[in-house]
Amino acid sequence: MGNVSGYGGMPAPKKAYGQNFIVNRGICPKMVDASGIDGTFGVVEIGPGLGALTTELARTAKKVVAVEIDGDLIPQLKQNLEGLDNIEIIHGDVIKLDLREIIEKSFETEKVAVFGNLPYYITSPIIMKLLEDRLPIDMVVAMVQREAAERLCAQPGSRASGAVTLAVKYYSDPAILFDVSPGSFYPVPKVSSSVIKLDVLKQPGARPLDEKHMFKVIKAAFSQRRKTAANSVSAGLRIDKGLVIKALEGIGADPNVRPERLDIAQFAALSDAINK
């Protein structure tokens, strides 16, 4: 949430906001370069902190709208960004703000990317809000805890795959760009981080007849990970196990398959078969 040459004069990080300031000067340029954005992009930055990433984004993008929840940081943030005339700072909570309205008012016809050094405790809610709200954005580039990155970008069949993995795959094409060591932050976190990129899909990664029902099936399937998909879905949706097994067989899946072995297209087909 910002970059400084040293710790002197740095505001005390607030645990309530999960603040970890970036102190490795090489991270922010690498993050912008790896994203592939250029001067045709407008950028919404979540949690600019002290403005290191904001500065790099402003050098590349057409315009940057930086959303900071911590009002105490804003005076210093404005000072650090002095002289850059393509930055707008908004004080607010990104979870509560109307990002669609902000994007529509702030940018014209350029492509839009969302960047952020996301607090570990709220990574998934922010990512899912950005995707589920179907905002007019082309990509999300975020610094997250490595464990979260592995879960968000997991491949079907891997142990890290879960309900959030499938939700991310439904809305985007996810990838881990690079890892970041704990020593790149102040205070130094106990875990490593990764920068991920989610290329937002123009059309969902599957075509279920009932999207809400599909996500109910996915949630039920992963509610009891040690059980088969048939057992978990049956228990979670309170429907006959035989019906689920028949549906699995109908889509060409093993009736004893584990939920993590199914991809988003298979879950869409399973949902449709159950919901007939």
C-alpha atoms as a PDB file:
ATOM      1  CA  MET A   1       0.000   0.000   0.000  1.00  0.00           C
ATOM      2  CA  GLY A   2       2.791   2.392  -0.857  1.00  0.00           C
ATOM      3  CA  ASN A   3       6.560   2.536  -1.205  1.00  0.00           C
ATOM      4  CA  VAL A   4       9.198   4.543   0.623  1.00  0.00           C
ATOM      5  CA  SER A   5      13.000   4.581   0.554  1.00  0.00           C
ATOM      6  CA  GLY A   6      13.202   3.985   4.285  1.00  0.00           C
ATOM      7  CA  TYR A   7      11.031   3.627   7.366  1.00  0.00           C
ATOM      8  CA  GLY A   8      11.655   7.137   8.702  1.00  0.00           C
ATOM      9  CA  GLY A   9       8.502   9.225   8.745  1.00  0.00           C
ATOM     10  CA  MET A  10       6.326   6.337   7.669  1.00  0.00           C
ATOM     11  CA  PRO A  11       2.891   6.303   9.312  1.00  0.00           C
ATOM     12  CA  ALA A  12       2.263   3.421  11.671  1.00  0.00           C
ATOM     13  CA  PRO A  13       0.494   0.638   9.732  1.00  0.00           C
ATOM     14  CA  LYS A  14      -3.055   0.042  10.929  1.00  0.00           C
ATOM     15  CA  LYS A  15      -3.948  -3.575  11.672  1.00  0.00           C
ATOM     16  CA  ALA A  16      -7.630  -2.814  11.146  1.00  0.00           C
ATOM     17  CA  TYR A  17      -6.907  -2.136   7.466  1.00  0.00           C
ATOM     18  CA  GLY A  18      -4.356  -4.926   7.059  1.00  0.00           C
ATOM     19  CA  GLN A  19      -1.733  -2.400   5.968  1.00  0.00           C
ATOM     20  CA  ASN A  20       1.660  -3.601   4.722  1.00  0.00           C
ATOM     21  CA  PHE A  21       3.583  -0.908   2.860  1.00  0.00           C
ATOM     22  CA  ILE A  22       5.748  -1.908  -0.108  1.00  0.00           C
ATOM     23  CA  VAL A  23       9.367  -0.901   0.525  1.00  0.00           C
ATOM     24  CA  ASN A  24      11.020  -2.780  -2.345  1.00  0.00           C
ATOM     25  CA  ARG A  25      11.371  -0.177  -5.095  1.00  0.00           C
ATOM     26  CA  GLY A  26      11.492  -2.753  -7.864  1.00  0.00           C
ATOM     27  CA  ILE A  27       8.072  -4.274  -7.206  1.00  0.00           C
ATOM     28  CA  CYS A  28       5.760  -1.545  -8.495  1.00  0.00           C
ATOM     29  CA  PRO A  29       7.449  -1.029 -11.917  1.00  0.00           C
ATOM     30  CA  LYS A  30       7.551  -4.811 -12.355  1.00  0.00           C
ATOM     31  CA  MET A  31       3.859  -5.054 -11.481  1.00  0.00           C
ATOM     32  CA  VAL A  32       2.912  -2.409 -14.067  1.00  0.00           C
ATOM     33  CA  ASP A  33       5.193  -3.850 -16.766  1.00  0.00           C
ATOM     34  CA  ALA A  34       3.932  -7.407 -16.253  1.00  0.00           C
ATOM     35  CA  SER A  35       0.308  -6.284 -16.529  1.00  0.00           C
ATOM     36  CA  GLY A  36       0.728  -5.098 -20.114  1.00  0.00           C
ATOM     37  CA  ILE A  37      -1.242  -1.867 -19.650  1.00  0.00           C
ATOM     38  CA  ASP A  38      -0.440   1.194 -21.763  1.00  0.00           C
ATOM     39  CA  GLY A  39      -1.648   4.726 -22.393  1.00  0.00           C
ATOM     40  CA  THR A  40      -5.033   3.525 -23.601  1.00  0.00           C
ATOM     41  CA  PHE A  41      -5.953   2.325 -20.087  1.00  0.00           C
ATOM     42  CA  GLY A  42      -7.764   4.020 -17.270  1.00  0.00           C
ATOM     43  CA  VAL A  43      -6.888   2.494 -13.878  1.00  0.00           C
ATOM     44  CA  VAL A  44      -8.737   2.155 -10.605  1.00  0.00           C
ATOM     45  CA  GLU A  45      -6.241   1.512  -7.820  1.00  0.00           C
ATOM     46  CA  ILE A  46      -7.450  -0.010  -4.557  1.00  0.00           C
ATOM     47  CA  GLY A  47      -5.465   1.037  -1.492  1.00  0.00           C
ATOM     48  CA  PRO A  48      -2.786   3.384  -2.881  1.00  0.00           C
ATOM     49  CA  GLY A  49      -1.339   3.907   0.594  1.00  0.00           C
ATOM     50  CA  LEU A  50       1.717   6.131   0.137  1.00  0.00           C
ATOM     51  CA  GLY A  51       1.445   6.208  -3.635  1.00  0.00           C
ATOM     52  CA  ALA A  52       4.335   4.133  -5.000  1.00  0.00           C
ATOM     53  CA  LEU A  53       2.226   1.997  -7.315  1.00  0.00           C
ATOM     54  CA  THR A  54       0.036   5.016  -8.073  1.00  0.00           C
ATOM     55  CA  THR A  55       3.095   6.891  -9.358  1.00  0.00           C
ATOM     56  CA  GLU A  56       4.111   4.028 -11.649  1.00  0.00           C
ATOM     57  CA  LEU A  57       0.553   3.634 -12.920  1.00  0.00           C
ATOM     58  CA  ALA A  58       0.268   7.365 -13.653  1.00  0.00           C
ATOM     59  CA  ARG A  59       3.434   7.196 -15.758  1.00  0.00           C
ATOM     60  CA  THR A  60       1.892   4.519 -17.970  1.00  0.00           C
ATOM     61  CA  ALA A  61      -1.909   4.817 -17.892  1.00  0.00           C
ATOM     62  CA  LYS A  62      -4.053   7.640 -19.242  1.00  0.00           C
ATOM     63  CA  LYS A  63      -5.673   8.275 -15.853  1.00  0.00           C
ATOM     64  CA  VAL A  64      -5.600   6.755 -12.366  1.00  0.00           C
ATOM     65  CA  VAL A  65      -8.419   6.870  -9.824  1.00  0.00           C
ATOM     66  CA  ALA A  66      -6.982   5.875  -6.437  1.00  0.00           C
ATOM     67  CA  VAL A  67      -9.416   4.697  -3.752  1.00  0.00           C
ATOM     68  CA  GLU A  68      -8.018   4.876  -0.203  1.00  0.00           C
ATOM     69  CA  ILE A  69      -9.987   3.835   2.889  1.00  0.00           C
ATOM     70  CA  ASP A  70      -7.578   5.383   5.426  1.00  0.00           C
ATOM     71  CA  GLY A  71      -8.256   9.109   5.572  1.00  0.00           C
ATOM     72  CA  ASP A  72      -5.127   9.690   7.673  1.00  0.00           C
ATOM     73  CA  LEU A  73      -2.947   8.670   4.711  1.00  0.00           C
ATOM     74  CA  ILE A  74      -4.510  10.990   2.164  1.00  0.00           C
ATOM     75  CA  PRO A  75      -2.589  14.215   3.017  1.00  0.00           C
ATOM     76  CA  GLN A  76       0.743  12.404   2.657  1.00  0.00           C
ATOM     77  CA  LEU A  77      -0.519  10.565  -0.414  1.00  0.00           C
ATOM     78  CA  LYS A  78      -1.421  13.861  -2.083  1.00  0.00           C
ATOM     79  CA  GLN A  79       1.992  15.258  -1.186  1.00  0.00           C
ATOM     80  CA  ASN A  80       3.768  12.222  -2.634  1.00  0.00           C
ATOM     81  CA  LEU A  81       1.769  12.489  -5.869  1.00  0.00           C
ATOM     82  CA  GLU A  82       2.266  16.238  -6.289  1.00  0.00           C
ATOM     83  CA  GLY A  83       3.002  17.177  -9.882  1.00  0.00           C
ATOM     84  CA  LEU A  84       1.117  14.251 -11.415  1.00  0.00           C
ATOM     85  CA  ASP A  85      -2.008  15.684 -13.022  1.00  0.00           C
ATOM     86  CA  ASN A  86      -3.692  12.466 -14.196  1.00  0.00           C
ATOM     87  CA  ILE A  87      -4.577  11.139 -10.733  1.00  0.00           C
ATOM     88  CA  GLU A  88      -7.863  11.438  -8.844  1.00  0.00           C
ATOM     89  CA  ILE A  89      -7.978  10.418  -5.162  1.00  0.00           C
ATOM     90  CA  ILE A  90     -11.198   9.131  -3.584  1.00  0.00           C
ATOM     91  CA  HIS A  91     -11.543   8.531   0.158  1.00  0.00           C
ATOM     92  CA  GLY A  92     -13.773   5.503   0.655  1.00  0.00           C
ATOM     93  CA  ASP A  93     -14.249   1.782   1.119  1.00  0.00           C
ATOM     94  CA  VAL A  94     -14.081  -0.016  -2.226  1.00  0.00           C
ATOM     95  CA  ILE A  95     -16.568  -2.639  -0.983  1.00  0.00           C
ATOM     96  CA  LYS A  96     -19.190   0.060  -0.363  1.00  0.00           C
ATOM     97  CA  LEU A  97     -18.518   2.402  -3.277  1.00  0.00           C
ATOM     98  CA  ASP A  98     -20.375   2.300  -6.590  1.00  0.00           C
ATOM     99  CA  LEU A  99     -17.402   1.395  -8.758  1.00  0.00           C
ATOM    100  CA  ARG A 100     -19.494   1.251 -11.918  1.00  0.00           C
ATOM    101  CA  GLU A 101     -20.495   4.893 -11.454  1.00  0.00           C
ATOM    102  CA  ILE A 102     -16.900   5.875 -10.668  1.00  0.00           C
ATOM    103  CA  ILE A 103     -15.608   4.126 -13.801  1.00  0.00           C
ATOM    104  CA  GLU A 104     -18.305   5.620 -16.032  1.00  0.00           C
ATOM    105  CA  LYS A 105     -17.684   9.144 -14.711  1.00  0.00           C
ATOM    106  CA  SER A 106     -13.898   8.972 -14.582  1.00  0.00           C
ATOM    107  CA  PHE A 107     -12.986   7.317 -17.864  1.00  0.00           C
ATOM    108  CA  GLU A 108     -14.123   7.887 -21.426  1.00  0.00           C
ATOM    109  CA  THR A 109     -13.505   5.198 -24.033  1.00  0.00           C
ATOM    110  CA  GLU A 110     -10.213   3.764 -22.819  1.00  0.00           C
ATOM    111  CA  LYS A 111      -9.845   0.251 -21.485  1.00  0.00           C
ATOM    112  CA  VAL A 112     -10.005  -0.104 -17.704  1.00  0.00           C
ATOM    113  CA  ALA A 113      -7.837  -2.094 -15.308  1.00  0.00           C
ATOM    114  CA  VAL A 114      -8.104  -2.467 -11.539  1.00  0.00           C
ATOM    115  CA  PHE A 115      -4.879  -2.661  -9.519  1.00  0.00           C
ATOM    116  CA  GLY A 116      -4.385  -3.201  -5.816  1.00  0.00           C
ATOM    117  CA  ASN A 117      -2.198  -4.409  -2.986  1.00  0.00           C
ATOM    118  CA  LEU A 118      -5.077  -6.193  -1.278  1.00  0.00           C
ATOM    119  CA  PRO A 119      -5.253  -6.795   2.491  1.00  0.00           C
ATOM    120  CA  TYR A 120      -5.049 -10.520   3.128  1.00  0.00           C
ATOM    121  CA  TYR A 121      -8.195 -10.669   5.246  1.00  0.00           C
ATOM    122  CA  ILE A 122     -10.445  -9.250   2.537  1.00  0.00           C
ATOM    123  CA  THR A 123      -8.829 -10.476  -0.698  1.00  0.00           C
ATOM    124  CA  SER A 124     -11.607 -12.828  -1.849  1.00  0.00           C
ATOM    125  CA  PRO A 125     -14.519 -10.449  -1.091  1.00  0.00           C
ATOM    126  CA  ILE A 126     -12.851  -7.668  -3.106  1.00  0.00           C
ATOM    127  CA  ILE A 127     -11.947  -9.934  -6.017  1.00  0.00           C
ATOM    128  CA  MET A 128     -15.445 -11.422  -6.150  1.00  0.00           C
ATOM    129  CA  LYS A 129     -17.107  -7.999  -5.935  1.00  0.00           C
ATOM    130  CA  LEU A 130     -15.068  -6.812  -8.911  1.00  0.00           C
ATOM    131  CA  LEU A 131     -16.039  -9.882 -10.940  1.00  0.00           C
ATOM    132  CA  GLU A 132     -19.626 -10.516  -9.812  1.00  0.00           C
ATOM    133  CA  ASP A 133     -20.660  -6.893 -10.333  1.00  0.00           C
ATOM    134  CA  ARG A 134     -19.684  -7.343 -14.002  1.00  0.00           C
ATOM    135  CA  LEU A 135     -17.962  -3.994 -14.058  1.00  0.00           C
ATOM    136  CA  PRO A 136     -16.750  -2.602 -17.400  1.00  0.00           C
ATOM    137  CA  ILE A 137     -13.147  -3.664 -16.717  1.00  0.00           C
ATOM    138  CA  ASP A 138     -10.620  -5.594 -18.791  1.00  0.00           C
ATOM    139  CA  MET A 139      -8.341  -6.923 -16.068  1.00  0.00           C
ATOM    140  CA  VAL A 140      -7.611  -7.096 -12.350  1.00  0.00           C
ATOM    141  CA  VAL A 141      -3.966  -7.035 -11.228  1.00  0.00           C
ATOM    142  CA  ALA A 142      -3.504  -7.604  -7.521  1.00  0.00           C
ATOM    143  CA  MET A 143      -0.887  -8.335  -4.902  1.00  0.00           C
ATOM    144  CA  VAL A 144      -2.276 -11.067  -2.647  1.00  0.00           C
ATOM    145  CA  GLN A 145      -1.063 -13.651  -0.166  1.00  0.00           C
ATOM    146  CA  ARG A 146       0.636 -16.485  -2.083  1.00  0.00           C
ATOM    147  CA  GLU A 147      -1.768 -19.056  -0.654  1.00  0.00           C
ATOM    148  CA  ALA A 148      -4.692 -16.978  -1.917  1.00  0.00           C
ATOM    149  CA  ALA A 149      -3.025 -16.618  -5.326  1.00  0.00           C
ATOM    150  CA  GLU A 150      -2.622 -20.380  -5.610  1.00  0.00           C
ATOM    151  CA  ARG A 151      -6.278 -20.877  -4.674  1.00  0.00           C
ATOM    152  CA  LEU A 152      -7.611 -18.173  -6.998  1.00  0.00           C
ATOM    153  CA  CYS A 153      -5.527 -19.363  -9.953  1.00  0.00           C
ATOM    154  CA  ALA A 154      -5.615 -23.135  -9.310  1.00  0.00           C
ATOM    155  CA  GLN A 155      -6.206 -25.620 -12.110  1.00  0.00           C
ATOM    156  CA  PRO A 156      -9.110 -28.103 -11.900  1.00  0.00           C
ATOM    157  CA  GLY A 157      -7.919 -31.311 -10.300  1.00  0.00           C
ATOM    158  CA  SER A 158      -5.355 -29.636  -8.067  1.00  0.00           C
ATOM    159  CA  ARG A 159      -5.642 -29.715  -4.294  1.00  0.00           C
ATOM    160  CA  ALA A 160      -5.792 -25.920  -4.168  1.00  0.00           C
ATOM    161  CA  SER A 161      -8.925 -25.814  -6.331  1.00  0.00           C
ATOM    162  CA  GLY A 162     -12.099 -24.783  -4.523  1.00  0.00           C
ATOM    163  CA  ALA A 163     -15.366 -22.910  -4.874  1.00  0.00           C
ATOM    164  CA  VAL A 164     -13.653 -19.514  -5.256  1.00  0.00           C
ATOM    165  CA  THR A 165     -11.364 -20.991  -7.934  1.00  0.00           C
ATOM    166  CA  LEU A 166     -14.357 -21.944 -10.045  1.00  0.00           C
ATOM    167  CA  ALA A 167     -16.027 -18.577  -9.508  1.00  0.00           C
ATOM    168  CA  VAL A 168     -12.872 -16.789 -10.685  1.00  0.00           C
ATOM    169  CA  LYS A 169     -12.621 -19.101 -13.717  1.00  0.00           C
ATOM    170  CA  TYR A 170     -16.251 -18.385 -14.565  1.00  0.00           C
ATOM    171  CA  TYR A 171     -15.576 -14.666 -14.884  1.00  0.00           C
ATOM    172  CA  SER A 172     -11.919 -14.482 -15.909  1.00  0.00           C
ATOM    173  CA  ASP A 173      -8.717 -16.102 -17.132  1.00  0.00           C
ATOM    174  CA  PRO A 174      -6.436 -16.047 -14.051  1.00  0.00           C
ATOM    175  CA  ALA A 175      -2.645 -16.315 -13.854  1.00  0.00           C
ATOM    176  CA  ILE A 176       0.126 -15.768 -11.300  1.00  0.00           C
ATOM    177  CA  LEU A 177       2.602 -13.210 -12.683  1.00  0.00           C
ATOM    178  CA  PHE A 178       5.361 -13.398 -10.058  1.00  0.00           C
ATOM    179  CA  ASP A 179       6.046 -13.970  -6.359  1.00  0.00           C
ATOM    180  CA  VAL A 180       7.067 -11.330  -3.808  1.00  0.00           C
ATOM    181  CA  SER A 181       9.125 -12.031  -0.684  1.00  0.00           C
ATOM    182  CA  PRO A 182       7.999 -10.929   2.806  1.00  0.00           C
ATOM    183  CA  GLY A 183      10.990  -8.579   3.067  1.00  0.00           C
ATOM    184  CA  SER A 184       9.479  -6.395   0.337  1.00  0.00           C
ATOM    185  CA  PHE A 185       6.976  -5.016   2.860  1.00  0.00           C
ATOM    186  CA  TYR A 186       6.865  -3.063   6.096  1.00  0.00           C
ATOM    187  CA  PRO A 187       5.875  -4.406   8.485  1.00  0.00           C
ATOM    188  CA  VAL A 188       7.254  -7.720   7.253  1.00  0.00           C
ATOM    189  CA  PRO A 189       4.360 -10.193   6.929  1.00  0.00           C
ATOM    190  CA  LYS A 190       4.710 -13.811   8.014  1.00  0.00           C
ATOM    191  CA  VAL A 191       3.767 -15.068   4.547  1.00  0.00           C
ATOM    192  CA  SER A 192       4.931 -14.590   0.982  1.00  0.00           C
ATOM    193  CA  SER A 193       2.855 -12.761  -1.618  1.00  0.00           C
ATOM    194  CA  SER A 194       2.148 -13.094  -5.323  1.00  0.00           C
ATOM    195  CA  VAL A 195       0.953 -10.740  -8.029  1.00  0.00           C
ATOM    196  CA  ILE A 196      -1.952 -12.178 -10.008  1.00  0.00           C
ATOM    197  CA  LYS A 197      -3.668 -11.048 -13.186  1.00  0.00           C
ATOM    198  CA  LEU A 198      -7.285 -11.818 -13.994  1.00  0.00           C
ATOM    199  CA  ASP A 199      -8.184 -11.136 -17.625  1.00  0.00           C
ATOM    200  CA  VAL A 200     -11.927 -10.528 -17.456  1.00  0.00           C
ATOM    201  CA  LEU A 201     -13.885 -12.603 -19.965  1.00  0.00           C
ATOM    202  CA  LYS A 202     -16.334 -10.913 -22.329  1.00  0.00           C
ATOM    203  CA  GLN A 203     -18.567 -13.975 -21.961  1.00  0.00           C
ATOM    204  CA  PRO A 204     -18.673 -16.290 -18.892  1.00  0.00           C
ATOM    205  CA  GLY A 205     -16.513 -19.395 -18.931  1.00  0.00           C
ATOM    206  CA  ALA A 206     -19.660 -21.582 -18.937  1.00  0.00           C
ATOM    207  CA  ARG A 207     -23.318 -21.257 -19.901  1.00  0.00           C
ATOM    208  CA  PRO A 208     -25.528 -22.651 -17.109  1.00  0.00           C
ATOM    209  CA  LEU A 209     -29.288 -22.350 -17.517  1.00  0.00           C
ATOM    210  CA  ASP A 210     -29.450 -20.916 -13.982  1.00  0.00           C
ATOM    211  CA  GLU A 211     -26.298 -19.168 -12.790  1.00  0.00           C
ATOM    212  CA  LYS A 212     -27.414 -18.866  -9.171  1.00  0.00           C
ATOM    213  CA  HIS A 213     -28.268 -22.560  -9.027  1.00  0.00           C
ATOM    214  CA  MET A 214     -24.853 -23.462 -10.453  1.00  0.00           C
ATOM    215  CA  PHE A 215     -23.104 -21.559  -7.688  1.00  0.00           C
ATOM    216  CA  LYS A 216     -25.326 -23.252  -5.101  1.00  0.00           C
ATOM    217  CA  VAL A 217     -24.209 -26.610  -6.507  1.00  0.00           C
ATOM    218  CA  ILE A 218     -20.552 -25.521  -6.391  1.00  0.00           C
ATOM    219  CA  LYS A 219     -20.868 -24.262  -2.814  1.00  0.00           C
ATOM    220  CA  ALA A 220     -22.531 -27.505  -1.749  1.00  0.00           C
ATOM    221  CA  ALA A 221     -19.897 -29.603  -3.527  1.00  0.00           C
ATOM    222  CA  PHE A 222     -17.029 -27.972  -1.638  1.00  0.00           C
ATOM    223  CA  SER A 223     -18.798 -27.789   1.715  1.00  0.00           C
ATOM    224  CA  GLN A 224     -17.458 -31.244   2.615  1.00  0.00           C
ATOM    225  CA  ARG A 225     -14.219 -31.597   0.675  1.00  0.00           C
ATOM    226  CA  ARG A 226     -13.352 -35.060   1.957  1.00  0.00           C
ATOM    227  CA  LYS A 227     -16.523 -36.473   0.459  1.00  0.00           C
ATOM    228  CA  THR A 228     -17.380 -37.188  -3.147  1.00  0.00           C
ATOM    229  CA  ALA A 229     -19.210 -34.566  -5.170  1.00  0.00           C
ATOM    230  CA  ALA A 230     -22.332 -36.753  -5.091  1.00  0.00           C
ATOM    231  CA  ASN A 231     -22.338 -36.958  -1.298  1.00  0.00           C
ATOM    232  CA  SER A 232     -21.573 -33.266  -0.772  1.00  0.00           C
ATOM    233  CA  VAL A 233     -24.087 -31.966  -3.305  1.00  0.00           C
ATOM    234  CA  SER A 234     -26.761 -34.330  -2.012  1.00  0.00           C
ATOM    235  CA  ALA A 235     -26.225 -33.204   1.581  1.00  0.00           C
ATOM    236  CA  GLY A 236     -25.750 -29.524   0.753  1.00  0.00           C
ATOM    237  CA  LEU A 237     -28.826 -29.209  -1.442  1.00  0.00           C
ATOM    238  CA  ARG A 238     -30.837 -31.762   0.515  1.00  0.00           C
ATOM    239  CA  ILE A 239     -31.662 -33.818  -2.539  1.00  0.00           C
ATOM    240  CA  ASP A 240     -31.526 -37.545  -3.238  1.00  0.00           C
ATOM    241  CA  LYS A 241     -27.992 -38.837  -3.784  1.00  0.00           C
ATOM    242  CA  GLY A 242     -29.233 -41.074  -6.579  1.00  0.00           C
ATOM    243  CA  LEU A 243     -30.397 -38.016  -8.488  1.00  0.00           C
ATOM    244  CA  VAL A 244     -26.926 -36.452  -8.221  1.00  0.00           C
ATOM    245  CA  ILE A 245     -25.216 -39.683  -9.308  1.00  0.00           C
ATOM    246  CA  LYS A 246     -27.533 -39.924 -12.302  1.00  0.00           C
ATOM    247  CA  ALA A 247     -26.748 -36.303 -13.193  1.00  0.00           C
ATOM    248  CA  LEU A 248     -22.998 -36.938 -12.912  1.00  0.00           C
ATOM    249  CA  GLU A 249     -23.258 -39.975 -15.146  1.00  0.00           C
ATOM    250  CA  GLY A 250     -25.354 -37.947 -17.563  1.00  0.00           C
ATOM    251  CA  ILE A 251     -22.541 -35.424 -18.052  1.00  0.00           C
ATOM    252  CA  GLY A 252     -19.947 -38.182 -18.458  1.00  0.00           C
ATOM    253  CA  ALA A 253     -18.371 -37.834 -15.015  1.00  0.00           C
ATOM    254  CA  ASP A 254     -17.360 -40.592 -12.605  1.00  0.00           C
ATOM    255  CA  PRO A 255     -20.152 -40.908  -9.989  1.00  0.00           C
ATOM    256  CA  ASN A 256     -17.421 -41.064  -7.316  1.00  0.00           C
ATOM    257  CA  VAL A 257     -15.588 -37.969  -8.557  1.00  0.00           C
ATOM    258  CA  ARG A 258     -14.202 -35.489  -6.021  1.00  0.00           C
ATOM    259  CA  PRO A 259     -15.464 -31.906  -6.460  1.00  0.00           C
ATOM    260  CA  GLU A 260     -12.005 -30.475  -7.199  1.00  0.00           C
ATOM    261  CA  ARG A 261     -11.770 -32.740 -10.278  1.00  0.00           C
ATOM    262  CA  LEU A 262     -14.688 -30.979 -11.983  1.00  0.00           C
ATOM    263  CA  ASP A 263     -14.167 -27.819 -14.027  1.00  0.00           C
ATOM    264  CA  ILE A 264     -16.574 -24.899 -14.382  1.00  0.00           C
ATOM    265  CA  ALA A 265     -18.165 -26.276 -17.584  1.00  0.00           C
ATOM    266  CA  GLN A 266     -18.850 -29.600 -15.877  1.00  0.00           C
ATOM    267  CA  PHE A 267     -20.422 -27.852 -12.887  1.00  0.00           C
ATOM    268  CA  ALA A 268     -22.641 -25.880 -15.247  1.00  0.00           C
ATOM    269  CA  ALA A 269     -23.744 -29.107 -16.929  1.00  0.00           C
ATOM    270  CA  LEU A 270     -24.249 -30.818 -13.544  1.00  0.00           C
ATOM    271  CA  SER A 271     -26.366 -27.903 -12.331  1.00  0.00           C
ATOM    272  CA  ASP A 272     -28.515 -28.068 -15.453  1.00  0.00           C
ATOM    273  CA  ALA A 273     -28.958 -31.834 -15.092  1.00  0.00           C
ATOM    274  CA  ILE A 274     -29.970 -31.576 -11.419  1.00  0.00           C
ATOM    275  CA  ASN A 275     -32.278 -28.651 -12.080  1.00  0.00           C
ATOM    276  CA  LYS A 276     -34.296 -30.318 -14.846  1.00  0.00           C
END
